[in-house]
Protein backbone atom coordinates (compact mmCIF):
# COMPACT_ATOMS: atom_id res chain seq x y z
CA UNK A 1 -44.84 -28.99 14.22
CA UNK A 2 -45.07 -32.38 16.01
CA UNK A 3 -42.81 -33.69 18.78
CA UNK A 4 -40.25 -35.28 16.46
CA UNK A 5 -39.93 -32.14 14.34
CA UNK A 6 -39.33 -30.05 17.46
CA UNK A 7 -36.81 -32.59 18.77
CA UNK A 8 -34.87 -32.61 15.47
CA UNK A 9 -34.90 -28.82 15.34
CA UNK A 10 -33.25 -28.73 18.78
CA UNK A 11 -30.51 -31.26 18.04
CA UNK A 12 -29.66 -30.07 14.49
CA UNK A 13 -27.44 -27.16 15.63
CA UNK A 14 -25.55 -29.53 17.96
CA UNK A 15 -24.95 -31.97 15.12
CA UNK A 16 -23.59 -29.15 12.96
CA UNK A 17 -21.30 -28.03 15.78
CA UNK A 18 -19.98 -31.57 16.30
CA UNK A 19 -19.33 -31.97 12.57
CA UNK A 20 -17.58 -28.60 12.49
CA UNK A 21 -15.15 -29.44 15.30
CA UNK A 22 -14.56 -32.90 13.82
CA UNK A 23 -13.56 -31.20 10.56
CA UNK A 24 -11.25 -28.81 12.41
CA UNK A 25 -9.50 -31.65 14.27
CA UNK A 26 -8.97 -33.61 11.04
CA UNK A 27 -7.65 -30.53 9.25
CA UNK A 28 -5.34 -29.76 12.15
CA UNK A 29 -3.89 -33.28 12.22
CA UNK A 30 -3.48 -33.31 8.44
CA UNK A 31 -1.67 -29.98 8.33
CA UNK A 32 0.55 -30.93 11.27
CA UNK A 33 1.97 -33.74 9.18
CA UNK A 34 2.76 -31.45 6.23
CA UNK A 35 4.41 -28.45 7.86
CA UNK A 36 7.32 -27.78 10.17
CA UNK A 37 5.46 -27.07 13.38
CA UNK A 38 6.92 -23.97 14.93
CA UNK A 39 4.67 -21.62 16.80
CA UNK A 40 1.69 -19.34 16.98
CA UNK A 41 1.54 -15.99 15.27
CA UNK A 42 1.69 -12.42 16.39
CA UNK A 43 -0.23 -9.77 14.49
CA UNK A 44 -1.46 -6.23 14.99
CA UNK A 45 -5.09 -6.92 15.92
CA UNK A 46 -6.15 -6.84 19.56
CA UNK A 47 -8.14 -9.78 20.94
CA UNK A 48 -11.07 -7.61 22.05
CA UNK A 49 -12.46 -6.69 25.45
CA UNK A 50 -13.35 -9.74 27.56
CA UNK A 51 -12.20 -12.21 24.90
CA UNK A 52 -9.66 -14.99 25.26
CA UNK A 53 -7.44 -15.88 22.31
CA UNK A 54 -5.61 -19.21 21.94
CA UNK A 55 -3.06 -20.09 19.23
CA UNK A 56 -2.06 -23.75 19.04
CA UNK A 57 0.78 -25.45 17.19
CA UNK A 58 1.64 -29.13 17.52
CA UNK A 59 4.80 -30.96 16.39
CA UNK A 60 3.54 -34.57 16.57
CA UNK A 61 6.00 -37.01 18.22
CA UNK A 62 8.79 -34.51 17.47
CA UNK A 63 8.36 -35.25 13.77
CA UNK A 64 10.24 -32.12 12.70
CA UNK A 65 13.77 -31.78 14.19
CA UNK A 66 13.66 -27.96 14.25
CA UNK A 67 10.01 -27.77 15.21
CA UNK A 68 8.30 -27.02 18.48
CA UNK A 69 4.90 -27.38 20.06
CA UNK A 70 3.51 -24.00 21.00
CA UNK A 71 0.71 -22.53 23.07
CA UNK A 72 -0.04 -18.80 22.81
CA UNK A 73 -2.66 -17.03 24.92
CA UNK A 74 -4.02 -13.47 24.95
CA UNK A 75 -6.77 -11.80 26.96
CA UNK A 76 -8.33 -8.46 26.11
CA UNK A 77 -8.75 -6.06 29.02
CA UNK A 78 -10.03 -3.40 26.62
CA UNK A 79 -10.65 -3.27 22.88
CA UNK A 80 -7.03 -2.14 22.41
CA UNK A 81 -5.07 -3.52 25.37
CA UNK A 82 -4.15 -7.22 25.87
CA UNK A 83 -1.97 -9.29 28.11
CA UNK A 84 -0.36 -12.09 26.13
CA UNK A 85 2.13 -14.89 26.55
CA UNK A 86 3.25 -18.27 25.35
CA UNK A 87 4.82 -21.56 26.39
CA UNK A 88 7.09 -23.35 23.91
CA UNK A 89 8.38 -26.93 23.91
CA UNK A 90 11.10 -27.29 21.24
CA UNK A 91 12.50 -30.60 20.05
CA UNK A 92 16.04 -29.37 20.73
CA UNK A 93 16.83 -26.91 23.50
CA UNK A 94 15.09 -25.77 26.63
CA UNK A 95 11.43 -25.02 27.19
CA UNK A 96 10.72 -21.32 27.38
CA UNK A 97 7.87 -18.97 28.16
CA UNK A 98 7.01 -15.35 27.46
CA UNK A 99 4.72 -12.82 29.15
CA UNK A 100 4.00 -9.32 27.90
CA UNK A 101 1.69 -6.35 27.36
CA UNK A 102 0.14 -5.53 23.98
CA UNK A 103 -1.43 -2.27 22.76
CA UNK A 104 -3.13 -1.65 19.41
CA UNK A 105 -2.51 2.00 18.58
CA UNK A 106 -3.94 2.19 15.04
CA UNK A 107 -6.95 0.69 13.28
CA UNK A 108 -8.78 1.33 10.04
CA UNK A 109 -10.55 -0.69 7.37
CA UNK A 110 -7.34 -1.99 5.83
CA UNK A 111 -4.63 -1.97 8.50
CA UNK A 112 -4.14 -2.67 12.23
CA UNK A 113 -0.91 -1.69 14.00
CA UNK A 114 0.21 -2.50 17.53
CA UNK A 115 3.23 -2.59 19.81
CA UNK A 116 4.17 -4.78 22.76
CA UNK A 117 6.80 -5.35 25.41
CA UNK A 118 7.56 -8.57 27.25
CA UNK A 119 10.06 -10.94 28.88
CA UNK A 120 11.13 -14.44 27.85
CA UNK A 121 12.57 -16.96 30.31
CA UNK A 122 14.19 -20.32 29.53
CA UNK A 123 13.78 -23.43 31.73
CA UNK A 124 15.91 -24.54 33.56
CA UNK A 125 18.50 -22.12 32.16
CA UNK A 126 18.55 -18.55 33.41
CA UNK A 127 18.62 -16.94 29.95
CA UNK A 128 16.29 -13.95 29.93
CA UNK A 129 15.36 -11.82 26.95
CA UNK A 130 13.51 -8.53 26.67
CA UNK A 131 11.25 -8.24 23.63
CA UNK A 132 11.29 -4.50 22.90
CA UNK A 133 10.44 -2.70 20.77
CA UNK A 134 7.86 -4.74 18.89
CA UNK A 135 5.87 -3.71 15.83
CA UNK A 136 2.91 -5.92 14.94
CA UNK A 137 0.65 -5.55 11.91
CA UNK A 138 -2.44 -6.96 10.26
CA UNK A 139 -3.40 -6.19 6.66
CA UNK A 140 -7.07 -6.85 5.92
CA UNK A 141 -7.27 -8.27 2.40
CA UNK A 142 -10.91 -9.31 1.82
CA UNK A 143 -13.68 -11.43 3.37
CA UNK A 144 -11.74 -12.01 6.59
CA UNK A 145 -8.54 -13.06 4.80
CA UNK A 146 -5.59 -11.27 6.41
CA UNK A 147 -1.83 -10.95 6.33
CA UNK A 148 -0.26 -10.59 9.77
CA UNK A 149 3.18 -10.52 11.29
CA UNK A 150 5.68 -8.78 13.50
CA UNK A 151 9.16 -7.33 13.91
CA UNK A 152 10.65 -7.99 17.34
CA UNK A 153 13.97 -6.73 18.72
CA UNK A 154 15.53 -9.14 21.23
CA UNK A 155 17.70 -7.88 24.09
CA UNK A 156 19.80 -9.95 26.50
CA UNK A 157 18.81 -8.83 30.01
CA UNK A 158 21.88 -10.46 31.58
CA UNK A 159 24.18 -8.46 29.31
CA UNK A 160 22.76 -5.03 30.11
CA UNK A 161 19.96 -5.35 27.55
CA UNK A 162 22.38 -5.82 24.67
CA UNK A 163 20.66 -5.99 21.29
CA UNK A 164 21.06 -9.55 19.93
CA UNK A 165 18.97 -9.22 16.76
CA UNK A 166 15.54 -8.75 15.21
CA UNK A 167 13.19 -11.66 14.60
CA UNK A 168 10.35 -11.38 12.12
CA UNK A 169 7.42 -13.39 10.88
CA UNK A 170 4.67 -13.06 8.29
CA UNK A 171 1.60 -15.24 7.86
CA UNK A 172 -1.55 -15.67 5.84
CA UNK A 173 -4.54 -15.80 8.22
CA UNK A 174 -7.38 -17.84 6.73
CA UNK A 175 -10.80 -17.60 8.43
CA UNK A 176 -12.50 -20.95 9.02
CA UNK A 177 -15.39 -19.87 11.22
CA UNK A 178 -16.96 -16.60 12.38
CA UNK A 179 -19.77 -16.62 14.92
CA UNK A 180 -22.47 -14.07 14.13
CA UNK A 181 -24.32 -14.70 17.40
CA UNK A 182 -23.67 -12.59 20.49
CA UNK A 183 -24.04 -15.53 22.88
CA UNK A 184 -21.68 -17.92 21.07
CA UNK A 185 -18.78 -19.46 23.02
CA UNK A 186 -16.35 -19.53 20.08
CA UNK A 187 -16.10 -16.12 18.42
CA UNK A 188 -13.79 -17.08 15.56
CA UNK A 189 -11.48 -19.79 14.29
CA UNK A 190 -8.56 -19.16 11.91
CA UNK A 191 -5.85 -21.24 10.28
CA UNK A 192 -2.49 -19.49 9.83
CA UNK A 193 0.42 -20.47 7.62
CA UNK A 194 3.59 -18.50 7.13
CA UNK A 195 7.32 -18.16 7.76
CA UNK A 196 9.48 -17.11 10.70
CA UNK A 197 13.01 -15.70 10.80
CA UNK A 198 14.65 -16.53 14.17
CA UNK A 199 17.57 -14.84 15.90
CA UNK A 200 19.13 -17.51 18.13
CA UNK A 201 19.21 -20.36 15.60
CA UNK A 202 19.36 -20.84 11.83
CA UNK A 203 16.84 -22.91 9.88
CA UNK A 204 18.30 -25.70 7.75
CA UNK A 205 19.67 -24.30 4.47
CA UNK A 206 17.47 -21.22 4.58
CA UNK A 207 16.84 -17.95 6.45
CA UNK A 208 13.13 -18.55 7.02
CA UNK A 209 11.35 -21.39 8.81
CA UNK A 210 7.80 -22.53 7.82
CA UNK A 211 5.20 -22.20 10.56
CA UNK A 212 1.50 -22.75 11.16
CA UNK A 213 -1.10 -22.39 13.89
CA UNK A 214 -4.78 -22.83 14.70
CA UNK A 215 -6.11 -19.62 16.28
CA UNK A 216 -9.29 -19.58 18.39
CA UNK A 217 -10.99 -16.62 20.07
CA UNK A 218 -13.52 -17.34 22.84
């Protein structure tokens, strides 16, 4: 192999990586203009020890009146235990953030189940909600294709933890990329599309609100 062959062999993986991320960005922008942007997804699968998970949703220039831009983060302390949280910027209403603890208590070939507890705070309002109990699930369909979602009971902390309703969501998790190398920076990349049933507001002319996210695990 001469010098030019060796040089091309070194830069080829970088070219593939650049093309891959370019494709992801284009897909993300395209989908953002088709769907009502509204938040990252919860499911029953832990992030994994030492891994960082990011779920991103973007409502471009507030295109969708009931949409929101969303940033969800999770970090795996063990293979079953995560800390997770989000920051949400809705078109209407106050910004809000959530922080909680996540534990995956069941796992087999077909199904993952988890529970979590956490607190949500609105800015600048003082509204505080307790998310408990939570049931999160992931159904493994085939070849990395999954169905994930959650059932979350909301409680008003300022009204002695009064139950104010149960929110739910369900999504189709579509794998875009899975790194087979141990030393890779990005472990996996998924695109999620689904629906969300809120508690504190009602979607226009329907009970469910369309959602999407791009999910990355480092």
